């Protein structure tokens, strides 16, 4: 497990909003709901499902939901 996964799991646990880039599109103030680690790492959010390997520039925001 790398450092980004650990920070993301902590954000999910604490119910913090996150921001990130996915396929050159920026997502801001997104509710991270679950990180699935089966064959591929999938991040489930209220915006949809994202492949973790394609996510860049993850920022954990201080705001909570």
Protein backbone atom coordinates (compact mmCIF):
# COMPACT_ATOMS: atom_id res chain seq x y z
CA UNK A 1 0.00 0.00 0.00
CA UNK A 2 1.50 3.32 -1.00
CA UNK A 3 1.24 6.64 0.82
CA UNK A 4 -1.55 7.98 -1.42
CA UNK A 5 -3.73 4.99 -0.60
CA UNK A 6 -3.14 5.47 3.12
CA UNK A 7 -4.06 9.16 2.99
CA UNK A 8 -7.14 8.34 0.94
CA UNK A 9 -8.26 5.66 3.39
CA UNK A 10 -7.83 8.12 6.26
CA UNK A 11 -9.88 10.72 4.36
CA UNK A 12 -12.65 8.16 3.80
CA UNK A 13 -12.59 7.21 7.48
CA UNK A 14 -12.70 10.85 8.64
CA UNK A 15 -15.25 11.78 5.92
CA UNK A 16 -13.14 14.55 4.42
CA UNK A 17 -13.71 15.94 0.94
CA UNK A 18 -11.00 15.30 -1.64
CA UNK A 19 -9.84 16.93 -4.87
CA UNK A 20 -7.95 15.19 -7.66
CA UNK A 21 -7.16 15.04 -11.37
CA UNK A 22 -8.50 12.13 -13.44
CA UNK A 23 -7.67 11.85 -17.14
CA UNK A 24 -6.78 15.57 -17.29
CA UNK A 25 -10.12 16.60 -15.73
CA UNK A 26 -10.15 18.24 -12.30
CA UNK A 27 -12.63 17.14 -9.64
CA UNK A 28 -13.00 19.35 -6.57
CA UNK A 29 -14.80 18.84 -3.28
CA UNK A 30 -15.74 15.22 -3.93
CA UNK A 31 -17.08 12.85 -1.27
CA UNK A 32 -14.86 9.77 -1.19
CA UNK A 33 -17.02 6.83 -0.15
CA UNK A 34 -14.98 3.65 -0.56
CA UNK A 35 -11.69 2.31 -1.93
CA UNK A 36 -12.03 -1.18 -3.41
CA UNK A 37 -8.76 -3.13 -3.70
CA UNK A 38 -9.64 -6.26 -5.67
CA UNK A 39 -8.09 -6.75 -9.14
CA UNK A 40 -7.87 -3.02 -9.84
CA UNK A 41 -8.05 -0.28 -7.24
CA UNK A 42 -11.38 1.52 -7.67
CA UNK A 43 -12.34 4.72 -5.82
CA UNK A 44 -16.09 5.07 -5.32
CA UNK A 45 -17.36 8.64 -4.92
CA UNK A 46 -20.67 10.46 -5.28
CA UNK A 47 -19.41 11.59 -8.73
CA UNK A 48 -18.85 7.99 -9.92
CA UNK A 49 -16.17 5.30 -9.90
CA UNK A 50 -12.54 6.06 -10.76
CA UNK A 51 -9.52 3.82 -11.39
CA UNK A 52 -6.98 4.67 -8.71
CA UNK A 53 -4.02 4.24 -11.07
CA UNK A 54 -5.29 7.09 -13.29
CA UNK A 55 -5.85 9.54 -10.42
CA UNK A 56 -3.19 12.22 -9.92
CA UNK A 57 -2.72 15.21 -7.62
CA UNK A 58 -4.84 13.94 -4.74
CA UNK A 59 -5.58 16.65 -2.17
CA UNK A 60 -7.33 15.90 1.12
CA UNK A 61 -9.44 18.90 2.11
CA UNK A 62 -10.06 19.98 5.71
CA UNK A 63 -13.81 20.27 5.14
CA UNK A 64 -15.97 17.32 6.18
CA UNK A 65 -19.31 16.04 4.97
